């Protein structure tokens, strides 16, 4: 199926410095970025611990990416999200992106949900006739109109990005309450996508820059804004600063990321990183909320392979925790896809299992485990045919006799 028509516009330029930096990123730099972290969402100003409003998390790891009709690819899975409450209104955001080691985005989905309450709806009960209590025997009058009821009206915004042979397709939708979602889809050609860094790839790039404690000059990439339009994203170093982490003080490396839209509106973030690459503070300029790190135990990490200090195990109710449940379901789907792919690529597994089960049922040994060990130890090498296809007997020869389980 042909993708939707491409949107015509001036293509955001990838600077030479940014292109060269992408070429220099290798597996070593990416390995330092593969970890999970959780920070607190707090209100700007005041005492952070007294102003906690929610949680923010980010995790990156290797994962298989499978698409119908294409081979499985090993790439980086970036997952991020937040849950908060502003002015009594619950708000949640999630991001899931599959990114190649060259920071090319294969697929990404962002979702934002706002639970708006206090929407007045008409009471379903009809007005009824009743006698007026102040005038006995008078004509019946209508009862006062019923009070309006309050009903939750969730607003859900989604944006899905997927790459294909023609370029990239962006689909965004907005749904209010139970109404049908309002969807819009458009695409970009390959010429517009050179060096494109959507949100998931940008989070990985920030970790790479944080581990290197340096930002090359003139680092500008094409990006996609919240409306799905092409724009530019620039990165600048603001230097080393001191920041409180819990009750301790730590040096942090601050990076400014700015997204410049075609309309001329810029969104700016200041991200403060520890030497290990972990985020210590995230501020969106002009936003009343910010992300803060309070866990002092991560201050001793250097970003290498040093073992982490042991912590007491804490009981986790993963079925009730939305973040843990989401990670569990995602990991379950990835493992199932990986296992199915491996079985499809190795049909000889079914022949091998059939040989073993046939031999096991024929001899019915008392010790199936010992029998299995001897069976597979004496199995023919993979270069020759299996017993079921090259010989009349499925049992490898010679195979020690095991007394049957039903013998005296």
Protein backbone atom coordinates (compact mmCIF):
# COMPACT_ATOMS: atom_id res chain seq x y z
CA UNK A 1 0.00 0.00 0.00
CA UNK A 2 1.34 3.39 -0.97
CA UNK A 3 1.98 5.81 1.90
CA UNK A 4 -0.02 9.03 2.25
CA UNK A 5 1.09 11.97 0.17
CA UNK A 6 4.22 13.74 1.39
CA UNK A 7 4.00 17.14 3.04
CA UNK A 8 5.91 19.76 1.04
CA UNK A 9 8.07 22.12 3.07
CA UNK A 10 11.60 23.34 3.49
CA UNK A 11 13.67 20.42 4.80
CA UNK A 12 15.43 21.12 8.13
CA UNK A 13 19.17 20.85 7.55
CA UNK A 14 21.51 18.44 9.32
CA UNK A 15 24.73 20.26 10.16
CA UNK A 16 28.08 18.70 9.26
CA UNK A 17 29.07 18.61 12.92
CA UNK A 18 25.92 16.65 13.78
CA UNK A 19 26.45 14.20 10.90
CA UNK A 20 30.06 13.60 11.96
CA UNK A 21 29.00 13.04 15.59
CA UNK A 22 26.46 10.40 14.53
CA UNK A 23 29.18 8.57 12.58
CA UNK A 24 31.42 8.47 15.67
CA UNK A 25 28.80 6.87 17.95
CA UNK A 26 29.63 3.18 18.36
CA UNK A 27 28.56 0.20 20.50
CA UNK A 28 30.84 1.27 23.36
CA UNK A 29 29.15 4.64 23.73
CA UNK A 30 25.70 3.07 23.56
CA UNK A 31 26.46 0.41 26.19
CA UNK A 32 26.93 3.14 28.80
CA UNK A 33 23.41 4.39 28.01
CA UNK A 34 21.55 1.14 28.71
CA UNK A 35 20.02 1.51 32.15
CA UNK A 36 16.75 2.47 33.81
CA UNK A 37 16.15 5.43 36.10
CA UNK A 38 13.22 6.89 38.01
CA UNK A 39 12.96 10.47 39.28
CA UNK A 40 10.32 12.58 40.99
CA UNK A 41 8.10 15.17 39.34
CA UNK A 42 7.91 18.21 41.60
CA UNK A 43 6.48 21.70 41.44
CA UNK A 44 8.97 24.39 40.53
CA UNK A 45 10.00 26.46 43.56
CA UNK A 46 9.55 25.68 47.22
CA UNK A 47 10.66 22.50 48.96
CA UNK A 48 10.88 19.71 46.37
CA UNK A 49 9.94 16.89 48.73
CA UNK A 50 6.87 18.76 49.90
CA UNK A 51 5.82 19.53 46.32
CA UNK A 52 6.05 16.01 44.81
CA UNK A 53 3.44 15.57 42.10
CA UNK A 54 4.35 12.28 40.43
CA UNK A 55 7.03 10.14 38.81
CA UNK A 56 9.16 10.25 35.66
CA UNK A 57 11.10 7.29 34.27
CA UNK A 58 13.33 6.35 31.38
CA UNK A 59 14.81 2.98 30.37
CA UNK A 60 16.92 1.82 27.42
CA UNK A 61 18.02 -1.72 26.51
CA UNK A 62 18.70 -4.01 23.57
CA UNK A 63 15.60 -5.69 22.14
CA UNK A 64 14.54 -7.52 18.95
CA UNK A 65 12.40 -5.60 16.48
CA UNK A 66 10.20 -7.62 14.15
CA UNK A 67 8.00 -6.43 11.32
CA UNK A 68 5.87 -8.57 9.01
CA UNK A 69 7.83 -9.73 5.99
CA UNK A 70 11.18 -8.51 7.33
CA UNK A 71 13.96 -10.25 9.31
CA UNK A 72 14.27 -9.63 13.03
CA UNK A 73 16.62 -6.74 13.86
CA UNK A 74 18.50 -6.10 17.07
CA UNK A 75 17.99 -2.50 18.13
CA UNK A 76 17.60 -0.25 21.16
CA UNK A 77 14.25 -0.09 22.91
CA UNK A 78 13.67 3.27 24.61
CA UNK A 79 10.75 3.57 27.02
CA UNK A 80 9.87 6.70 28.96
CA UNK A 81 6.85 8.08 30.73
CA UNK A 82 5.47 10.13 33.57
CA UNK A 83 2.47 10.19 35.85
CA UNK A 84 1.51 13.37 37.64
CA UNK A 85 -1.37 15.39 39.02
CA UNK A 86 -1.72 19.08 38.20
CA UNK A 87 -4.50 21.11 39.82
CA UNK A 88 -6.12 17.83 40.84
CA UNK A 89 -6.15 16.49 37.27
CA UNK A 90 -4.34 13.15 36.61
CA UNK A 91 -2.01 13.25 33.62
CA UNK A 92 0.09 10.46 32.13
CA UNK A 93 2.55 10.27 29.24
CA UNK A 94 4.28 7.28 27.67
CA UNK A 95 6.84 6.85 24.92
CA UNK A 96 8.09 3.69 23.23
CA UNK A 97 10.68 3.80 20.46
CA UNK A 98 12.79 1.27 18.56
CA UNK A 99 16.08 2.86 17.50
CA UNK A 100 18.98 1.38 15.54
CA UNK A 101 22.61 1.65 16.79
CA UNK A 102 22.99 4.48 14.25
CA UNK A 103 20.15 6.32 16.07
CA UNK A 104 17.72 5.83 13.18
CA UNK A 105 14.13 5.47 14.40
CA UNK A 106 12.30 2.39 13.14
CA UNK A 107 9.07 2.98 15.04
CA UNK A 108 7.88 5.24 17.84
CA UNK A 109 4.61 5.81 19.66
CA UNK A 110 3.76 8.60 22.07
CA UNK A 111 0.61 8.80 24.13
CA UNK A 112 -0.69 11.50 26.45
CA UNK A 113 -3.83 11.09 28.55
CA UNK A 114 -5.55 13.76 30.62
CA UNK A 115 -8.39 12.80 32.98
CA UNK A 116 -10.55 15.92 32.90
CA UNK A 117 -13.25 15.94 35.61
CA UNK A 118 -16.08 18.30 36.37
CA UNK A 119 -17.83 18.12 33.00
CA UNK A 120 -21.51 18.80 33.67
CA UNK A 121 -24.06 16.52 32.03
CA UNK A 122 -27.84 16.54 32.29
CA UNK A 123 -29.40 14.36 34.97
CA UNK A 124 -31.12 11.35 33.38
CA UNK A 125 -34.05 11.52 35.86
CA UNK A 126 -37.14 13.37 34.54
CA UNK A 127 -38.87 16.17 36.37
CA UNK A 128 -42.00 14.94 38.16
CA UNK A 129 -45.25 16.52 39.40
CA UNK A 130 -45.77 16.76 43.18
CA UNK A 131 -47.95 18.90 45.53
CA UNK A 132 -46.44 22.13 46.72
CA UNK A 133 -45.46 21.57 50.41
CA UNK A 134 -46.38 25.16 51.38
CA UNK A 135 -49.92 25.01 49.95
CA UNK A 136 -51.85 21.87 51.01
CA UNK A 137 -54.48 20.91 48.52
CA UNK A 138 -53.14 23.17 45.81
CA UNK A 139 -52.43 22.07 42.32
CA UNK A 140 -49.38 19.94 41.85
CA UNK A 141 -46.26 21.76 40.71
CA UNK A 142 -43.07 20.65 39.05
CA UNK A 143 -40.21 19.67 41.34
CA UNK A 144 -37.05 21.80 41.08
CA UNK A 145 -34.76 20.86 38.19
CA UNK A 146 -32.23 18.19 39.19
CA UNK A 147 -28.61 19.22 39.76
CA UNK A 148 -26.18 18.47 36.95
CA UNK A 149 -23.90 15.46 37.43
CA UNK A 150 -20.12 15.54 37.10
CA UNK A 151 -18.55 13.10 34.70
CA UNK A 152 -14.94 12.27 33.76
CA UNK A 153 -14.04 13.28 30.22
CA UNK A 154 -10.61 11.78 29.35
CA UNK A 155 -8.63 13.41 26.56
CA UNK A 156 -6.17 11.13 24.79
CA UNK A 157 -3.58 12.24 22.26
CA UNK A 158 -1.46 9.74 20.28
CA UNK A 159 1.29 10.06 17.70
CA UNK A 160 2.69 7.03 15.87
CA UNK A 161 5.82 7.17 13.70
CA UNK A 162 6.96 4.29 11.51
CA UNK A 163 9.70 4.14 8.89
CA UNK A 164 9.29 2.34 5.56
CA UNK A 165 10.94 2.08 2.16
CA UNK A 166 9.40 5.38 1.01
CA UNK A 167 10.46 7.34 4.11
CA UNK A 168 8.40 7.77 7.27
CA UNK A 169 4.68 7.99 8.06
CA UNK A 170 3.31 10.01 10.98
CA UNK A 171 -0.20 9.34 12.31
CA UNK A 172 -1.66 11.48 15.05
CA UNK A 173 -5.04 11.24 16.73
CA UNK A 174 -7.04 13.13 19.32
CA UNK A 175 -9.89 11.54 21.24
CA UNK A 176 -12.19 13.25 23.74
CA UNK A 177 -14.32 11.04 25.96
CA UNK A 178 -16.20 8.32 24.11
CA UNK A 179 -16.23 10.15 20.81
CA UNK A 180 -14.51 8.73 17.75
CA UNK A 181 -10.86 9.83 17.52
CA UNK A 182 -9.93 12.54 15.07
CA UNK A 183 -7.03 11.11 13.03
CA UNK A 184 -4.59 12.65 10.58
CA UNK A 185 -1.81 10.90 8.68
CA UNK A 186 0.97 12.19 6.48
CA UNK A 187 4.46 11.12 5.36
CA UNK A 188 7.96 12.41 4.70
CA UNK A 189 10.35 11.31 1.99
CA UNK A 190 13.82 9.86 2.50
CA UNK A 191 15.50 13.12 1.49
CA UNK A 192 13.90 14.89 4.48
CA UNK A 193 14.92 12.28 7.04
CA UNK A 194 18.73 12.42 6.97
CA UNK A 195 19.86 12.59 10.60
CA UNK A 196 16.28 12.81 11.93
CA UNK A 197 16.12 12.44 15.73
CA UNK A 198 12.59 12.01 17.13
CA UNK A 199 12.05 11.99 20.90
CA UNK A 200 13.29 8.44 21.63
CA UNK A 201 16.54 8.86 19.68
CA UNK A 202 17.04 12.30 21.24
CA UNK A 203 16.90 10.80 24.76
CA UNK A 204 19.65 8.36 23.77
CA UNK A 205 21.74 11.17 22.27
CA UNK A 206 21.49 13.16 25.51
CA UNK A 207 22.83 10.18 27.46
CA UNK A 208 25.75 9.82 25.03
CA UNK A 209 26.59 13.52 25.41
CA UNK A 210 26.27 13.27 29.20
CA UNK A 211 28.70 10.33 29.40
CA UNK A 212 31.23 12.25 27.29
CA UNK A 213 30.72 15.43 29.36
CA UNK A 214 31.00 17.47 26.17
CA UNK A 215 28.79 18.82 23.38
CA UNK A 216 30.36 19.59 19.99
CA UNK A 217 29.57 23.05 18.61
CA UNK A 218 26.86 23.50 15.98
CA UNK A 219 25.06 20.29 16.92
CA UNK A 220 21.72 20.61 15.08
CA UNK A 221 19.46 17.75 13.92
CA UNK A 222 16.10 17.53 12.16
CA UNK A 223 13.33 16.53 14.58
CA UNK A 224 9.56 16.12 14.82
CA UNK A 225 7.50 18.40 17.05
CA UNK A 226 4.40 17.54 19.07
CA UNK A 227 2.17 18.16 16.05
CA UNK A 228 4.14 15.74 13.86
CA UNK A 229 5.80 18.49 11.76
CA UNK A 230 9.45 18.62 10.83
CA UNK A 231 11.56 21.08 12.81
CA UNK A 232 15.13 21.43 14.10
CA UNK A 233 16.59 20.48 17.47
CA UNK A 234 19.84 22.02 18.73
CA UNK A 235 22.11 21.01 21.63
CA UNK A 236 24.47 23.25 23.63
CA UNK A 237 26.62 22.74 26.72
CA UNK A 238 25.92 25.06 29.67
CA UNK A 239 28.92 23.84 31.68
CA UNK A 240 29.44 22.23 35.08
CA UNK A 241 27.20 23.32 37.96
CA UNK A 242 26.56 22.33 41.57
CA UNK A 243 23.23 20.72 42.43
CA UNK A 244 21.63 19.21 45.51
CA UNK A 245 20.85 15.49 45.26
CA UNK A 246 18.92 14.57 48.37
CA UNK A 247 21.02 15.89 51.26
CA UNK A 248 24.28 15.80 49.24
CA UNK A 249 25.87 18.11 46.71
CA UNK A 250 27.06 16.89 43.29
CA UNK A 251 28.62 18.30 40.15
CA UNK A 252 26.35 18.03 37.13
CA UNK A 253 26.89 18.65 33.44
CA UNK A 254 24.07 20.77 32.01
CA UNK A 255 22.90 20.45 28.39
CA UNK A 256 20.41 22.76 26.74
CA UNK A 257 18.17 21.23 24.12
CA UNK A 258 15.99 23.57 22.05
CA UNK A 259 13.31 22.59 19.54
CA UNK A 260 12.64 25.25 16.92
CA UNK A 261 9.37 24.89 15.01
CA UNK A 262 8.55 26.31 11.59
CA UNK A 263 6.13 28.78 13.23
CA UNK A 264 9.04 30.34 15.12
CA UNK A 265 8.10 28.99 18.57
CA UNK A 266 10.96 27.37 20.51
CA UNK A 267 10.71 24.89 23.39
CA UNK A 268 13.79 24.70 25.62
CA UNK A 269 14.87 22.02 28.11
CA UNK A 270 17.82 22.12 30.55
CA UNK A 271 19.03 18.61 31.47
CA UNK A 272 21.55 18.14 34.30
CA UNK A 273 23.53 14.87 34.24
CA UNK A 274 25.84 13.13 36.70
CA UNK A 275 29.20 11.80 35.39
CA UNK A 276 27.61 8.33 35.13
CA UNK A 277 25.11 9.66 32.57
CA UNK A 278 22.17 9.55 34.97
CA UNK A 279 19.75 12.44 34.92
CA UNK A 280 19.76 14.64 38.02
CA UNK A 281 17.40 17.41 36.91
CA UNK A 282 15.19 18.19 33.92
CA UNK A 283 13.56 21.59 33.48
CA UNK A 284 11.36 22.76 30.64
CA UNK A 285 11.66 26.54 30.52
CA UNK A 286 8.31 28.09 31.43
CA UNK A 287 6.80 24.86 32.79
CA UNK A 288 5.57 24.78 36.42
CA UNK A 289 6.85 21.19 36.85
CA UNK A 290 10.39 19.81 36.87
CA UNK A 291 12.09 16.44 37.27
CA UNK A 292 14.45 15.93 40.24
CA UNK A 293 16.69 13.13 41.51
CA UNK A 294 16.58 12.46 45.27
CA UNK A 295 18.35 9.08 45.41
CA UNK A 296 21.87 9.74 46.76
CA UNK A 297 22.97 6.13 46.22
CA UNK A 298 23.66 6.76 42.51
CA UNK A 299 26.28 9.44 43.23
CA UNK A 300 29.04 6.83 43.54
CA UNK A 301 28.47 5.45 40.05
CA UNK A 302 31.00 6.39 37.38
CA UNK A 303 29.29 5.01 34.30
CA UNK A 304 31.58 1.96 34.07
CA UNK A 305 30.92 -1.68 34.90
CA UNK A 306 31.45 -1.35 38.66
CA UNK A 307 29.06 -3.56 40.67
CA UNK A 308 26.30 -1.66 42.39
CA UNK A 309 26.00 -1.84 46.20
CA UNK A 310 23.41 -4.36 47.41
CA UNK A 311 20.06 -3.01 48.54
CA UNK A 312 17.41 -4.80 50.60
CA UNK A 313 14.76 -6.43 48.49
CA UNK A 314 11.48 -4.57 48.49
CA UNK A 315 8.16 -6.26 47.68
CA UNK A 316 6.72 -4.99 44.40
CA UNK A 317 3.12 -5.45 43.33
CA UNK A 318 3.80 -5.40 39.60
CA UNK A 319 0.16 -6.02 38.69
CA UNK A 320 -0.87 -2.78 40.38
CA UNK A 321 2.14 -0.72 39.28
CA UNK A 322 1.38 0.60 35.76
CA UNK A 323 5.05 1.06 34.91
CA UNK A 324 6.12 -2.44 35.98
CA UNK A 325 3.09 -4.04 34.34
CA UNK A 326 3.83 -2.21 31.07
CA UNK A 327 7.45 -3.39 31.13
CA UNK A 328 6.34 -6.96 31.91
CA UNK A 329 3.87 -7.09 29.00
CA UNK A 330 6.38 -5.54 26.59
CA UNK A 331 9.09 -8.00 27.61
CA UNK A 332 6.65 -10.92 27.34
CA UNK A 333 5.72 -9.96 23.77
CA UNK A 334 9.38 -9.54 22.80
CA UNK A 335 10.34 -12.97 24.19
CA UNK A 336 7.42 -14.67 22.44
CA UNK A 337 8.34 -13.05 19.13
CA UNK A 338 12.01 -13.98 19.57
CA UNK A 339 11.19 -17.60 20.46
CA UNK A 340 8.77 -18.00 17.55
CA UNK A 341 11.34 -16.59 15.15
CA UNK A 342 14.04 -18.98 16.38
CA UNK A 343 11.74 -21.99 16.01
CA UNK A 344 10.77 -20.93 12.49
CA UNK A 345 14.43 -20.59 11.55
CA UNK A 346 15.26 -24.07 12.94
CA UNK A 347 12.61 -26.59 11.81
CA UNK A 348 14.97 -29.43 12.75
CA UNK A 349 13.99 -28.84 16.40
CA UNK A 350 10.66 -30.61 15.82
CA UNK A 351 12.46 -33.63 14.29
CA UNK A 352 14.90 -33.77 17.21
CA UNK A 353 12.11 -33.65 19.79
CA UNK A 354 10.11 -36.29 17.91
CA UNK A 355 13.15 -38.63 17.89
CA UNK A 356 13.67 -38.25 21.61
CA UNK A 357 10.00 -38.73 22.56
CA UNK A 358 9.73 -41.83 20.37
CA UNK A 359 12.82 -43.37 21.97
CA UNK A 360 11.59 -42.44 25.45
CA UNK A 361 8.17 -44.02 24.91
CA UNK A 362 9.66 -47.18 23.40
CA UNK A 363 12.03 -47.85 26.31
CA UNK A 364 10.07 -46.16 29.13
CA UNK A 365 13.09 -45.86 31.47
CA UNK A 366 12.86 -45.39 35.23
CA UNK A 367 15.13 -42.32 35.02
CA UNK A 368 14.06 -40.14 32.07
CA UNK A 369 16.63 -37.45 32.92
CA UNK A 370 19.57 -39.87 32.76
CA UNK A 371 18.14 -41.40 29.60
CA UNK A 372 17.86 -37.93 28.00
CA UNK A 373 21.46 -37.11 28.91
CA UNK A 374 22.76 -40.29 27.27
CA UNK A 375 20.43 -39.90 24.28
CA UNK A 376 21.61 -36.40 23.38
CA UNK A 377 25.25 -37.16 24.24
CA UNK A 378 25.30 -39.96 21.69
CA UNK A 379 23.14 -38.10 19.16
CA UNK A 380 24.55 -37.84 15.65
CA UNK A 381 26.32 -34.58 14.73
CA UNK A 382 24.28 -31.87 13.00
CA UNK A 383 26.05 -32.50 9.68
CA UNK A 384 24.33 -35.87 9.30
CA UNK A 385 20.63 -36.59 8.98
CA UNK A 386 18.52 -37.27 12.05
CA UNK A 387 17.54 -40.80 12.93
CA UNK A 388 13.95 -40.23 11.90
CA UNK A 389 14.98 -39.23 8.38
CA UNK A 390 18.08 -41.40 7.77
CA UNK A 391 17.45 -44.62 9.69
CA UNK A 392 14.64 -46.97 10.50
CA UNK A 393 15.14 -46.75 14.26
CA UNK A 394 14.84 -43.38 16.04
CA UNK A 395 17.21 -44.51 18.82
CA UNK A 396 20.92 -43.59 18.43
CA UNK A 397 23.15 -46.62 18.18
CA UNK A 398 24.54 -47.85 20.43
CA UNK A 399 22.33 -46.70 23.34
CA UNK A 400 22.64 -48.37 26.79
CA UNK A 401 19.59 -50.34 27.79
CA UNK A 402 17.41 -48.79 30.48
CA UNK A 403 14.94 -51.02 32.28
CA UNK A 404 11.38 -49.96 31.54
CA UNK A 405 9.49 -48.13 34.22
CA UNK A 406 6.71 -50.77 34.38
CA UNK A 407 9.11 -53.73 34.90
CA UNK A 408 9.49 -55.47 38.20
